[in-house]
Amino acid sequence: MHEKDFLEILENNLSEESTWFLFILFEAGKPINKALLNDMANEAYAERQSEKGLSTTELLIPSRHFLDIHTARLEGAGLVNVEILGRIRMYSITDLGKKLLNYKSEKKMINRN
């Protein structure tokens, strides 16, 4: 298998919520704790929905359980690093996570043309 094949598999299995988390971590450029990651993802999602003229009352991540599921998936796929500081988990995007975002972005641009 080639790198593109792995990226395609990851992209096909990446949820919308996980994509938002990766984007937020990429944009932040520094580790973010789980609660702040949740808030930032919900806020960015609401802004995007508003720009599209859609309802902004629905949360992207409606519960702590939902947050835990998606962060665990990202961690298991090797798309985020997790550093535990006491009781706080700090998340940052890995090089693989960055490659996946770049792959998704390039693929989206190609499909537009």
PDB file of N, CA and C in Angstrom:
ATOM      1  N   MET A   1       0.839  -1.184   0.000  1.00  0.00           N
ATOM      2  CA  MET A   1       0.000   0.000   0.000  1.00  0.00           C
ATOM      3  C   MET A   1       0.882   1.243   0.000  1.00  0.00           C
ATOM      4  N   HIS A   2       0.363   2.268  -0.610  1.00  0.00           N
ATOM      5  CA  HIS A   2       1.066   3.543  -0.660  1.00  0.00           C
ATOM      6  C   HIS A   2       0.454   4.505   0.356  1.00  0.00           C
ATOM      7  N   GLU A   3       1.164   5.594   0.614  1.00  0.00           N
ATOM      8  CA  GLU A   3       0.687   6.589   1.578  1.00  0.00           C
ATOM      9  C   GLU A   3      -0.703   7.092   1.209  1.00  0.00           C
ATOM     10  N   LYS A   4      -0.936   7.302  -0.089  1.00  0.00           N
ATOM     11  CA  LYS A   4      -2.245   7.787  -0.546  1.00  0.00           C
ATOM     12  C   LYS A   4      -3.362   6.816  -0.162  1.00  0.00           C
ATOM     13  N   ASP A   5      -3.065   5.519  -0.225  1.00  0.00           N
ATOM     14  CA  ASP A   5      -4.067   4.510   0.142  1.00  0.00           C
ATOM     15  C   ASP A   5      -4.440   4.616   1.618  1.00  0.00           C
ATOM     16  N   PHE A   6      -3.423   4.799   2.470  1.00  0.00           N
ATOM     17  CA  PHE A   6      -3.683   4.956   3.897  1.00  0.00           C
ATOM     18  C   PHE A   6      -4.475   6.232   4.180  1.00  0.00           C
ATOM     19  N   LEU A   7      -4.093   7.308   3.508  1.00  0.00           N
ATOM     20  CA  LEU A   7      -4.803   8.574   3.702  1.00  0.00           C
ATOM     21  C   LEU A   7      -6.254   8.466   3.241  1.00  0.00           C
ATOM     22  N   GLU A   8      -6.474   7.742   2.165  1.00  0.00           N
ATOM     23  CA  GLU A   8      -7.840   7.546   1.660  1.00  0.00           C
ATOM     24  C   GLU A   8      -8.684   6.765   2.672  1.00  0.00           C
ATOM     25  N   ILE A   9      -8.101   5.736   3.273  1.00  0.00           N
ATOM     26  CA  ILE A   9      -8.813   4.951   4.288  1.00  0.00           C
ATOM     27  C   ILE A   9      -9.145   5.831   5.489  1.00  0.00           C
ATOM     28  N   LEU A  10      -8.161   6.595   5.956  1.00  0.00           N
ATOM     29  CA  LEU A  10      -8.406   7.484   7.092  1.00  0.00           C
ATOM     30  C   LEU A  10      -9.489   8.502   6.765  1.00  0.00           C
ATOM     31  N   GLU A  11      -9.404   9.081   5.581  1.00  0.00           N
ATOM     32  CA  GLU A  11     -10.404  10.089   5.195  1.00  0.00           C
ATOM     33  C   GLU A  11     -11.809   9.489   5.149  1.00  0.00           C
ATOM     34  N   ASN A  12     -11.923   8.308   4.607  1.00  0.00           N
ATOM     35  CA  ASN A  12     -13.238   7.662   4.504  1.00  0.00           C
ATOM     36  C   ASN A  12     -13.842   7.335   5.866  1.00  0.00           C
ATOM     37  N   ASN A  13     -12.978   7.108   6.855  1.00  0.00           N
ATOM     38  CA  ASN A  13     -13.457   6.733   8.189  1.00  0.00           C
ATOM     39  C   ASN A  13     -13.485   7.888   9.177  1.00  0.00           C
ATOM     40  N   LEU A  14     -13.054   9.055   8.759  1.00  0.00           N
ATOM     41  CA  LEU A  14     -13.012  10.214   9.646  1.00  0.00           C
ATOM     42  C   LEU A  14     -14.387  10.879   9.708  1.00  0.00           C
ATOM     43  N   SER A  15     -14.897  11.032  10.911  1.00  0.00           N
ATOM     44  CA  SER A  15     -16.207  11.662  11.078  1.00  0.00           C
ATOM     45  C   SER A  15     -16.094  13.179  10.907  1.00  0.00           C
ATOM     46  N   GLU A  16     -17.224  13.818  10.716  1.00  0.00           N
ATOM     47  CA  GLU A  16     -17.243  15.276  10.605  1.00  0.00           C
ATOM     48  C   GLU A  16     -16.705  15.916  11.887  1.00  0.00           C
ATOM     49  N   GLU A  17     -17.073  15.354  13.022  1.00  0.00           N
ATOM     50  CA  GLU A  17     -16.621  15.887  14.301  1.00  0.00           C
ATOM     51  C   GLU A  17     -15.103  15.796  14.420  1.00  0.00           C
ATOM     52  N   SER A  18     -14.555  14.658  14.045  1.00  0.00           N
ATOM     53  CA  SER A  18     -13.115  14.469  14.112  1.00  0.00           C
ATOM     54  C   SER A  18     -12.383  15.415  13.161  1.00  0.00           C
ATOM     55  N   THR A  19     -12.961  15.652  12.011  1.00  0.00           N
ATOM     56  CA  THR A  19     -12.370  16.595  11.062  1.00  0.00           C
ATOM     57  C   THR A  19     -12.309  17.986  11.668  1.00  0.00           C
ATOM     58  N   TRP A  20     -13.372  18.396  12.344  1.00  0.00           N
ATOM     59  CA  TRP A  20     -13.387  19.698  13.005  1.00  0.00           C
ATOM     60  C   TRP A  20     -12.313  19.774  14.086  1.00  0.00           C
ATOM     61  N   PHE A  21     -12.164  18.704  14.864  1.00  0.00           N
ATOM     62  CA  PHE A  21     -11.130  18.684  15.905  1.00  0.00           C
ATOM     63  C   PHE A  21      -9.746  18.862  15.291  1.00  0.00           C
ATOM     64  N   LEU A  22      -9.470  18.119  14.225  1.00  0.00           N
ATOM     65  CA  LEU A  22      -8.160  18.243  13.575  1.00  0.00           C
ATOM     66  C   LEU A  22      -7.928  19.655  13.060  1.00  0.00           C
ATOM     67  N   PHE A  23      -8.959  20.228  12.458  1.00  0.00           N
ATOM     68  CA  PHE A  23      -8.843  21.585  11.933  1.00  0.00           C
ATOM     69  C   PHE A  23      -8.553  22.582  13.061  1.00  0.00           C
ATOM     70  N   ILE A  24      -9.253  22.460  14.156  1.00  0.00           N
ATOM     71  CA  ILE A  24      -9.053  23.360  15.300  1.00  0.00           C
ATOM     72  C   ILE A  24      -7.632  23.209  15.845  1.00  0.00           C
ATOM     73  N   LEU A  25      -7.164  21.979  15.985  1.00  0.00           N
ATOM     74  CA  LEU A  25      -5.815  21.747  16.495  1.00  0.00           C
ATOM     75  C   LEU A  25      -4.755  22.268  15.533  1.00  0.00           C
ATOM     76  N   PHE A  26      -5.002  22.103  14.258  1.00  0.00           N
ATOM     77  CA  PHE A  26      -4.066  22.613  13.249  1.00  0.00           C
ATOM     78  C   PHE A  26      -3.985  24.136  13.316  1.00  0.00           C
ATOM     79  N   GLU A  27      -5.144  24.770  13.361  1.00  0.00           N
ATOM     80  CA  GLU A  27      -5.199  26.235  13.420  1.00  0.00           C
ATOM     81  C   GLU A  27      -4.577  26.784  14.700  1.00  0.00           C
ATOM     82  N   ALA A  28      -4.757  26.086  15.811  1.00  0.00           N
ATOM     83  CA  ALA A  28      -4.238  26.553  17.098  1.00  0.00           C
ATOM     84  C   ALA A  28      -2.709  26.516  17.112  1.00  0.00           C
ATOM     85  N   GLY A  29      -2.147  25.480  16.527  1.00  0.00           N
ATOM     86  CA  GLY A  29      -0.700  25.363  16.478  1.00  0.00           C
ATOM     87  C   GLY A  29      -0.040  25.086  17.818  1.00  0.00           C
ATOM     88  N   LYS A  30      -0.844  24.757  18.803  1.00  0.00           N
ATOM     89  CA  LYS A  30      -0.318  24.444  20.134  1.00  0.00           C
ATOM     90  C   LYS A  30      -1.286  23.473  20.802  1.00  0.00           C
ATOM     91  N   PRO A  31      -0.840  22.783  21.843  1.00  0.00           N
ATOM     92  CA  PRO A  31      -1.739  21.846  22.540  1.00  0.00           C
ATOM     93  C   PRO A  31      -2.936  22.564  23.171  1.00  0.00           C
ATOM     94  N   ILE A  32      -4.082  21.889  23.136  1.00  0.00           N
ATOM     95  CA  ILE A  32      -5.336  22.423  23.681  1.00  0.00           C
ATOM     96  C   ILE A  32      -5.944  21.369  24.588  1.00  0.00           C
ATOM     97  N   ASN A  33      -6.479  21.801  25.726  1.00  0.00           N
ATOM     98  CA  ASN A  33      -7.125  20.823  26.600  1.00  0.00           C
ATOM     99  C   ASN A  33      -8.475  20.412  26.008  1.00  0.00           C
ATOM    100  N   LYS A  34      -8.958  19.281  26.471  1.00  0.00           N
ATOM    101  CA  LYS A  34     -10.159  18.672  25.881  1.00  0.00           C
ATOM    102  C   LYS A  34     -11.385  19.587  25.965  1.00  0.00           C
ATOM    103  N   ALA A  35     -11.584  20.233  27.099  1.00  0.00           N
ATOM    104  CA  ALA A  35     -12.761  21.100  27.258  1.00  0.00           C
ATOM    105  C   ALA A  35     -12.702  22.287  26.300  1.00  0.00           C
ATOM    106  N   LEU A  36     -11.523  22.883  26.168  1.00  0.00           N
ATOM    107  CA  LEU A  36     -11.372  24.020  25.252  1.00  0.00           C
ATOM    108  C   LEU A  36     -11.523  23.565  23.805  1.00  0.00           C
ATOM    109  N   LEU A  37     -10.992  22.397  23.480  1.00  0.00           N
ATOM    110  CA  LEU A  37     -11.151  21.842  22.136  1.00  0.00           C
ATOM    111  C   LEU A  37     -12.631  21.677  21.805  1.00  0.00           C
ATOM    112  N   ASN A  38     -13.396  21.181  22.753  1.00  0.00           N
ATOM    113  CA  ASN A  38     -14.839  21.028  22.589  1.00  0.00           C
ATOM    114  C   ASN A  38     -15.500  22.376  22.309  1.00  0.00           C
ATOM    115  N   ASP A  39     -15.202  23.361  23.141  1.00  0.00           N
ATOM    116  CA  ASP A  39     -15.804  24.690  22.978  1.00  0.00           C
ATOM    117  C   ASP A  39     -15.428  25.325  21.640  1.00  0.00           C
ATOM    118  N   MET A  40     -14.148  25.214  21.276  1.00  0.00           N
ATOM    119  CA  MET A  40     -13.679  25.819  20.020  1.00  0.00           C
ATOM    120  C   MET A  40     -14.308  25.140  18.804  1.00  0.00           C
ATOM    121  N   ALA A  41     -14.444  23.818  18.856  1.00  0.00           N
ATOM    122  CA  ALA A  41     -15.057  23.089  17.739  1.00  0.00           C
ATOM    123  C   ALA A  41     -16.529  23.455  17.597  1.00  0.00           C
ATOM    124  N   ASN A  42     -17.255  23.513  18.715  1.00  0.00           N
ATOM    125  CA  ASN A  42     -18.670  23.899  18.659  1.00  0.00           C
ATOM    126  C   ASN A  42     -18.844  25.325  18.147  1.00  0.00           C
ATOM    127  N   GLU A  43     -17.975  26.224  18.587  1.00  0.00           N
ATOM    128  CA  GLU A  43     -18.055  27.616  18.142  1.00  0.00           C
ATOM    129  C   GLU A  43     -17.754  27.752  16.649  1.00  0.00           C
ATOM    130  N   ALA A  44     -16.701  27.094  16.183  1.00  0.00           N
ATOM    131  CA  ALA A  44     -16.342  27.158  14.762  1.00  0.00           C
ATOM    132  C   ALA A  44     -17.433  26.536  13.899  1.00  0.00           C
ATOM    133  N   TYR A  45     -18.015  25.438  14.366  1.00  0.00           N
ATOM    134  CA  TYR A  45     -19.092  24.775  13.642  1.00  0.00           C
ATOM    135  C   TYR A  45     -20.314  25.687  13.543  1.00  0.00           C
ATOM    136  N   ALA A  46     -20.663  26.344  14.642  1.00  0.00           N
ATOM    137  CA  ALA A  46     -21.812  27.258  14.648  1.00  0.00           C
ATOM    138  C   ALA A  46     -21.575  28.427  13.690  1.00  0.00           C
ATOM    139  N   GLU A  47     -20.358  28.953  13.679  1.00  0.00           N
ATOM    140  CA  GLU A  47     -20.035  30.046  12.750  1.00  0.00           C
ATOM    141  C   GLU A  47     -20.189  29.590  11.302  1.00  0.00           C
ATOM    142  N   ARG A  48     -19.715  28.384  11.013  1.00  0.00           N
ATOM    143  CA  ARG A  48     -19.807  27.845   9.651  1.00  0.00           C
ATOM    144  C   ARG A  48     -21.265  27.634   9.246  1.00  0.00           C
ATOM    145  N   GLN A  49     -22.072  27.123  10.175  1.00  0.00           N
ATOM    146  CA  GLN A  49     -23.494  26.914   9.899  1.00  0.00           C
ATOM    147  C   GLN A  49     -24.172  28.256   9.629  1.00  0.00           C
ATOM    148  N   SER A  50     -23.824  29.256  10.414  1.00  0.00           N
ATOM    149  CA  SER A  50     -24.394  30.590  10.249  1.00  0.00           C
ATOM    150  C   SER A  50     -24.025  31.175   8.883  1.00  0.00           C
ATOM    151  N   GLU A  51     -22.774  30.990   8.474  1.00  0.00           N
ATOM    152  CA  GLU A  51     -22.325  31.474   7.160  1.00  0.00           C
ATOM    153  C   GLU A  51     -23.116  30.825   6.029  1.00  0.00           C
ATOM    154  N   LYS A  52     -23.513  29.576   6.229  1.00  0.00           N
ATOM    155  CA  LYS A  52     -24.290  28.850   5.231  1.00  0.00           C
ATOM    156  C   LYS A  52     -25.778  29.182   5.319  1.00  0.00           C
ATOM    157  N   GLY A  53     -26.158  29.988   6.318  1.00  0.00           N
ATOM    158  CA  GLY A  53     -27.557  30.332   6.507  1.00  0.00           C
ATOM    159  C   GLY A  53     -28.363  29.242   7.188  1.00  0.00           C
ATOM    160  N   LEU A  54     -27.685  28.352   7.881  1.00  0.00           N
ATOM    161  CA  LEU A  54     -28.358  27.245   8.565  1.00  0.00           C
ATOM    162  C   LEU A  54     -28.487  27.540  10.054  1.00  0.00           C
ATOM    163  N   SER A  55     -29.268  26.742  10.735  1.00  0.00           N
ATOM    164  CA  SER A  55     -29.484  26.908  12.177  1.00  0.00           C
ATOM    165  C   SER A  55     -28.180  26.705  12.938  1.00  0.00           C
ATOM    166  N   THR A  56     -27.965  27.555  13.937  1.00  0.00           N
ATOM    167  CA  THR A  56     -26.752  27.443  14.747  1.00  0.00           C
ATOM    168  C   THR A  56     -27.061  26.938  16.154  1.00  0.00           C
ATOM    169  N   THR A  57     -28.251  26.434  16.358  1.00  0.00           N
ATOM    170  CA  THR A  57     -28.609  25.959  17.700  1.00  0.00           C
ATOM    171  C   THR A  57     -28.108  24.542  17.966  1.00  0.00           C
ATOM    172  N   GLU A  58     -27.858  23.772  16.919  1.00  0.00           N
ATOM    173  CA  GLU A  58     -27.389  22.399  17.090  1.00  0.00           C
ATOM    174  C   GLU A  58     -25.882  22.393  17.327  1.00  0.00           C
ATOM    175  N   LEU A  59     -25.463  21.706  18.379  1.00  0.00           N
ATOM    176  CA  LEU A  59     -24.045  21.612  18.700  1.00  0.00           C
ATOM    177  C   LEU A  59     -23.399  20.481  17.910  1.00  0.00           C
ATOM    178  N   LEU A  60     -22.169  20.683  17.501  1.00  0.00           N
ATOM    179  CA  LEU A  60     -21.399  19.638  16.836  1.00  0.00           C
ATOM    180  C   LEU A  60     -21.098  18.516  17.832  1.00  0.00           C
ATOM    181  N   ILE A  61     -20.697  18.902  19.027  1.00  0.00           N
ATOM    182  CA  ILE A  61     -20.373  17.960  20.103  1.00  0.00           C
ATOM    183  C   ILE A  61     -21.357  18.222  21.248  1.00  0.00           C
ATOM    184  N   PRO A  62     -22.460  17.467  21.305  1.00  0.00           N
ATOM    185  CA  PRO A  62     -23.511  17.763  22.276  1.00  0.00           C
ATOM    186  C   PRO A  62     -23.267  17.273  23.708  1.00  0.00           C
ATOM    187  N   SER A  63     -22.266  16.389  23.907  1.00  0.00           N
ATOM    188  CA  SER A  63     -22.070  15.864  25.263  1.00  0.00           C
ATOM    189  C   SER A  63     -20.610  15.486  25.498  1.00  0.00           C
ATOM    190  N   ARG A  64     -20.276  15.332  26.769  1.00  0.00           N
ATOM    191  CA  ARG A  64     -18.919  14.905  27.140  1.00  0.00           C
ATOM    192  C   ARG A  64     -18.651  13.494  26.611  1.00  0.00           C
ATOM    193  N   HIS A  65     -19.657  12.647  26.632  1.00  0.00           N
ATOM    194  CA  HIS A  65     -19.523  11.282  26.110  1.00  0.00           C
ATOM    195  C   HIS A  65     -19.137  11.310  24.633  1.00  0.00           C
ATOM    196  N   PHE A  66     -19.813  12.136  23.876  1.00  0.00           N
ATOM    197  CA  PHE A  66     -19.548  12.287  22.448  1.00  0.00           C
ATOM    198  C   PHE A  66     -18.121  12.795  22.234  1.00  0.00           C
ATOM    199  N   LEU A  67     -17.708  13.751  23.043  1.00  0.00           N
ATOM    200  CA  LEU A  67     -16.354  14.305  22.992  1.00  0.00           C
ATOM    201  C   LEU A  67     -15.322  13.214  23.256  1.00  0.00           C
ATOM    202  N   ASP A  68     -15.554  12.421  24.276  1.00  0.00           N
ATOM    203  CA  ASP A  68     -14.627  11.347  24.632  1.00  0.00           C
ATOM    204  C   ASP A  68     -14.481  10.321  23.504  1.00  0.00           C
ATOM    205  N   ILE A  69     -15.577   9.982  22.866  1.00  0.00           N
ATOM    206  CA  ILE A  69     -15.550   9.006  21.766  1.00  0.00           C
ATOM    207  C   ILE A  69     -14.683   9.518  20.617  1.00  0.00           C
ATOM    208  N   HIS A  70     -14.902  10.757  20.213  1.00  0.00           N
ATOM    209  CA  HIS A  70     -14.181  11.282  19.041  1.00  0.00           C
ATOM    210  C   HIS A  70     -12.709  11.555  19.329  1.00  0.00           C
ATOM    211  N   THR A  71     -12.390  12.006  20.517  1.00  0.00           N
ATOM    212  CA  THR A  71     -10.976  12.223  20.832  1.00  0.00           C
ATOM    213  C   THR A  71     -10.248  10.881  20.929  1.00  0.00           C
ATOM    214  N   ALA A  72     -10.909   9.858  21.463  1.00  0.00           N
ATOM    215  CA  ALA A  72     -10.296   8.528  21.538  1.00  0.00           C
ATOM    216  C   ALA A  72     -10.056   7.966  20.145  1.00  0.00           C
ATOM    217  N   ARG A  73     -10.968   8.176  19.227  1.00  0.00           N
ATOM    218  CA  ARG A  73     -10.795   7.702  17.853  1.00  0.00           C
ATOM    219  C   ARG A  73      -9.591   8.376  17.197  1.00  0.00           C
ATOM    220  N   LEU A  74      -9.484   9.683  17.387  1.00  0.00           N
ATOM    221  CA  LEU A  74      -8.350  10.415  16.813  1.00  0.00           C
ATOM    222  C   LEU A  74      -7.033   9.931  17.404  1.00  0.00           C
ATOM    223  N   GLU A  75      -7.032   9.701  18.698  1.00  0.00           N
ATOM    224  CA  GLU A  75      -5.832   9.216  19.375  1.00  0.00           C
ATOM    225  C   GLU A  75      -5.464   7.822  18.859  1.00  0.00           C
ATOM    226  N   GLY A  76      -6.442   6.951  18.741  1.00  0.00           N
ATOM    227  CA  GLY A  76      -6.200   5.590  18.263  1.00  0.00           C
ATOM    228  C   GLY A  76      -5.698   5.534  16.832  1.00  0.00           C
ATOM    229  N   ALA A  77      -6.120   6.473  16.015  1.00  0.00           N
ATOM    230  CA  ALA A  77      -5.690   6.524  14.617  1.00  0.00           C
ATOM    231  C   ALA A  77      -4.330   7.199  14.458  1.00  0.00           C
ATOM    232  N   GLY A  78      -3.797   7.739  15.547  1.00  0.00           N
ATOM    233  CA  GLY A  78      -2.504   8.406  15.478  1.00  0.00           C
ATOM    234  C   GLY A  78      -2.558   9.796  14.870  1.00  0.00           C
ATOM    235  N   LEU A  79      -3.738  10.403  14.891  1.00  0.00           N
ATOM    236  CA  LEU A  79      -3.911  11.725  14.288  1.00  0.00           C
ATOM    237  C   LEU A  79      -3.698  12.856  15.291  1.00  0.00           C
ATOM    238  N   VAL A  80      -3.722  12.518  16.589  1.00  0.00           N
ATOM    239  CA  VAL A  80      -3.452  13.510  17.632  1.00  0.00           C
ATOM    240  C   VAL A  80      -2.481  12.922  18.658  1.00  0.00           C
ATOM    241  N   ASN A  81      -1.716  13.808  19.259  1.00  0.00           N
ATOM    242  CA  ASN A  81      -0.889  13.463  20.411  1.00  0.00           C
ATOM    243  C   ASN A  81      -1.661  13.863  21.650  1.00  0.00           C
ATOM    244  N   VAL A  82      -1.506  13.084  22.720  1.00  0.00           N
ATOM    245  CA  VAL A  82      -2.162  13.403  23.980  1.00  0.00           C
ATOM    246  C   VAL A  82      -1.089  13.451  25.064  1.00  0.00           C
ATOM    247  N   GLU A  83      -1.034  14.587  25.748  1.00  0.00           N
ATOM    248  CA  GLU A  83      -0.120  14.743  26.871  1.00  0.00           C
ATOM    249  C   GLU A  83      -0.974  14.920  28.120  1.00  0.00           C
ATOM    250  N   ILE A  84      -0.708  14.101  29.117  1.00  0.00           N
ATOM    251  CA  ILE A  84      -1.489  14.166  30.347  1.00  0.00           C
ATOM    252  C   ILE A  84      -0.719  14.994  31.370  1.00  0.00           C
ATOM    253  N   LEU A  85      -1.351  16.073  31.809  1.00  0.00           N
ATOM    254  CA  LEU A  85      -0.781  16.956  32.824  1.00  0.00           C
ATOM    255  C   LEU A  85      -1.705  16.928  34.031  1.00  0.00           C
ATOM    256  N   GLY A  86      -1.369  16.113  35.013  1.00  0.00           N
ATOM    257  CA  GLY A  86      -2.266  15.947  36.151  1.00  0.00           C
ATOM    258  C   GLY A  86      -3.545  15.279  35.691  1.00  0.00           C
ATOM    259  N   ARG A  87      -4.652  15.985  35.812  1.00  0.00           N
ATOM    260  CA  ARG A  87      -5.949  15.452  35.376  1.00  0.00           C
ATOM    261  C   ARG A  87      -6.367  15.995  34.017  1.00  0.00           C
ATOM    262  N   ILE A  88      -5.532  16.841  33.430  1.00  0.00           N
ATOM    263  CA  ILE A  88      -5.867  17.479  32.158  1.00  0.00           C
ATOM    264  C   ILE A  88      -5.176  16.760  31.010  1.00  0.00           C
ATOM    265  N   ARG A  89      -5.929  16.547  29.951  1.00  0.00           N
ATOM    266  CA  ARG A  89      -5.369  15.977  28.720  1.00  0.00           C
ATOM    267  C   ARG A  89      -5.214  17.104  27.707  1.00  0.00           C
ATOM    268  N   MET A  90      -3.984  17.231  27.205  1.00  0.00           N
ATOM    269  CA  MET A  90      -3.684  18.249  26.205  1.00  0.00           C
ATOM    270  C   MET A  90      -3.539  17.559  24.850  1.00  0.00           C
ATOM    271  N   TYR A  91      -4.254  18.064  23.848  1.00  0.00           N
ATOM    272  CA  TYR A  91      -4.269  17.469  22.517  1.00  0.00           C
ATOM    273  C   TYR A  91      -3.537  18.358  21.527  1.00  0.00           C
ATOM    274  N   SER A  92      -2.762  17.723  20.644  1.00  0.00           N
ATOM    275  CA  SER A  92      -2.119  18.429  19.544  1.00  0.00           C
ATOM    276  C   SER A  92      -2.162  17.523  18.319  1.00  0.00           C
ATOM    277  N   ILE A  93      -2.112  18.123  17.171  1.00  0.00           N
ATOM    278  CA  ILE A  93      -2.193  17.360  15.928  1.00  0.00           C
ATOM    279  C   ILE A  93      -0.825  16.757  15.598  1.00  0.00           C
ATOM    280  N   THR A  94      -0.825  15.533  15.092  1.00  0.00           N
ATOM    281  CA  THR A  94       0.411  14.866  14.688  1.00  0.00           C
ATOM    282  C   THR A  94       0.729  15.217  13.237  1.00  0.00           C
ATOM    283  N   ASP A  95       1.907  14.820  12.804  1.00  0.00           N
ATOM    284  CA  ASP A  95       2.264  15.025  11.394  1.00  0.00           C
ATOM    285  C   ASP A  95       1.311  14.269  10.481  1.00  0.00           C
ATOM    286  N   LEU A  96       0.888  13.080  10.915  1.00  0.00           N
ATOM    287  CA  LEU A  96      -0.079  12.312  10.126  1.00  0.00           C
ATOM    288  C   LEU A  96      -1.409  13.053  10.041  1.00  0.00           C
ATOM    289  N   GLY A  97      -1.839  13.651  11.137  1.00  0.00           N
ATOM    290  CA  GLY A  97      -3.070  14.438  11.128  1.00  0.00           C
ATOM    291  C   GLY A  97      -2.970  15.606  10.158  1.00  0.00           C
ATOM    292  N   LYS A  98      -1.819  16.264  10.122  1.00  0.00           N
ATOM    293  CA  LYS A  98      -1.602  17.374   9.190  1.00  0.00           C
ATOM    294  C   LYS A  98      -1.636  16.881   7.751  1.00  0.00           C
ATOM    295  N   LYS A  99      -0.993  15.727   7.500  1.00  0.00           N
ATOM    296  CA  LYS A  99      -1.006  15.160   6.147  1.00  0.00           C
ATOM    297  C   LYS A  99      -2.433  14.842   5.706  1.00  0.00           C
ATOM    298  N   LEU A 100      -3.217  14.314   6.634  1.00  0.00           N
ATOM    299  CA  LEU A 100      -4.597  13.971   6.303  1.00  0.00           C
ATOM    300  C   LEU A 100      -5.403  15.221   5.967  1.00  0.00           C
ATOM    301  N   LEU A 101      -5.251  16.282   6.740  1.00  0.00           N
ATOM    302  CA  LEU A 101      -5.952  17.533   6.428  1.00  0.00           C
ATOM    303  C   LEU A 101      -5.523  18.083   5.077  1.00  0.00           C
ATOM    304  N   ASN A 102      -4.223  18.046   4.790  1.00  0.00           N
ATOM    305  CA  ASN A 102      -3.730  18.510   3.493  1.00  0.00           C
ATOM    306  C   ASN A 102      -4.290  17.665   2.359  1.00  0.00           C
ATOM    307  N   TYR A 103      -4.338  16.357   2.568  1.00  0.00           N
ATOM    308  CA  TYR A 103      -4.885  15.438   1.571  1.00  0.00           C
ATOM    309  C   TYR A 103      -6.355  15.751   1.295  1.00  0.00           C
ATOM    310  N   LYS A 104      -7.125  15.944   2.375  1.00  0.00           N
ATOM    311  CA  LYS A 104      -8.547  16.271   2.223  1.00  0.00           C
ATOM    312  C   LYS A 104      -8.716  17.593   1.465  1.00  0.00           C
ATOM    313  N   SER A 105      -7.888  18.563   1.795  1.00  0.00           N
ATOM    314  CA  SER A 105      -7.964  19.873   1.165  1.00  0.00           C
ATOM    315  C   SER A 105      -7.625  19.791  -0.327  1.00  0.00           C
ATOM    316  N   GLU A 106      -6.554  19.083  -0.651  1.00  0.00           N
ATOM    317  CA  GLU A 106      -6.157  18.931  -2.053  1.00  0.00           C
ATOM    318  C   GLU A 106      -7.224  18.176  -2.836  1.00  0.00           C
ATOM    319  N   LYS A 107      -7.767  17.139  -2.252  1.00  0.00           N
ATOM    320  CA  LYS A 107      -8.800  16.338  -2.908  1.00  0.00           C
ATOM    321  C   LYS A 107     -10.049  17.186  -3.170  1.00  0.00           C
ATOM    322  N   LYS A 108     -10.399  18.005  -2.191  1.00  0.00           N
ATOM    323  CA  LYS A 108     -11.574  18.879  -2.329  1.00  0.00           C
ATOM    324  C   LYS A 108     -11.366  19.880  -3.465  1.00  0.00           C
ATOM    325  N   MET A 109     -10.152  20.437  -3.561  1.00  0.00           N
ATOM    326  CA  MET A 109      -9.858  21.404  -4.626  1.00  0.00           C
ATOM    327  C   MET A 109      -9.901  20.734  -5.996  1.00  0.00           C
ATOM    328  N   ILE A 110      -9.394  19.520  -6.102  1.00  0.00           N
ATOM    329  CA  ILE A 110      -9.410  18.796  -7.367  1.00  0.00           C
ATOM    330  C   ILE A 110     -10.844  18.486  -7.781  1.00  0.00           C
ATOM    331  N   ASN A 111     -11.685  18.120  -6.829  1.00  0.00           N
ATOM    332  CA  ASN A 111     -13.081  17.772  -7.133  1.00  0.00           C
ATOM    333  C   ASN A 111     -13.909  18.988  -7.533  1.00  0.00           C
ATOM    334  N   ARG A 112     -13.456  20.196  -7.139  1.00  0.00           N
ATOM    335  CA  ARG A 112     -14.173  21.406  -7.523  1.00  0.00           C
ATOM    336  C   ARG A 112     -13.968  21.723  -9.007  1.00  0.00           C
ATOM    337  N   ASN A 113     -12.809  21.356  -9.537  1.00  0.00           N
ATOM    338  CA  ASN A 113     -12.480  21.680 -10.951  1.00  0.00           C
ATOM    339  C   ASN A 113     -13.046  20.700 -11.913  1.00  0.00           C
TER     340      ASN A 113
END
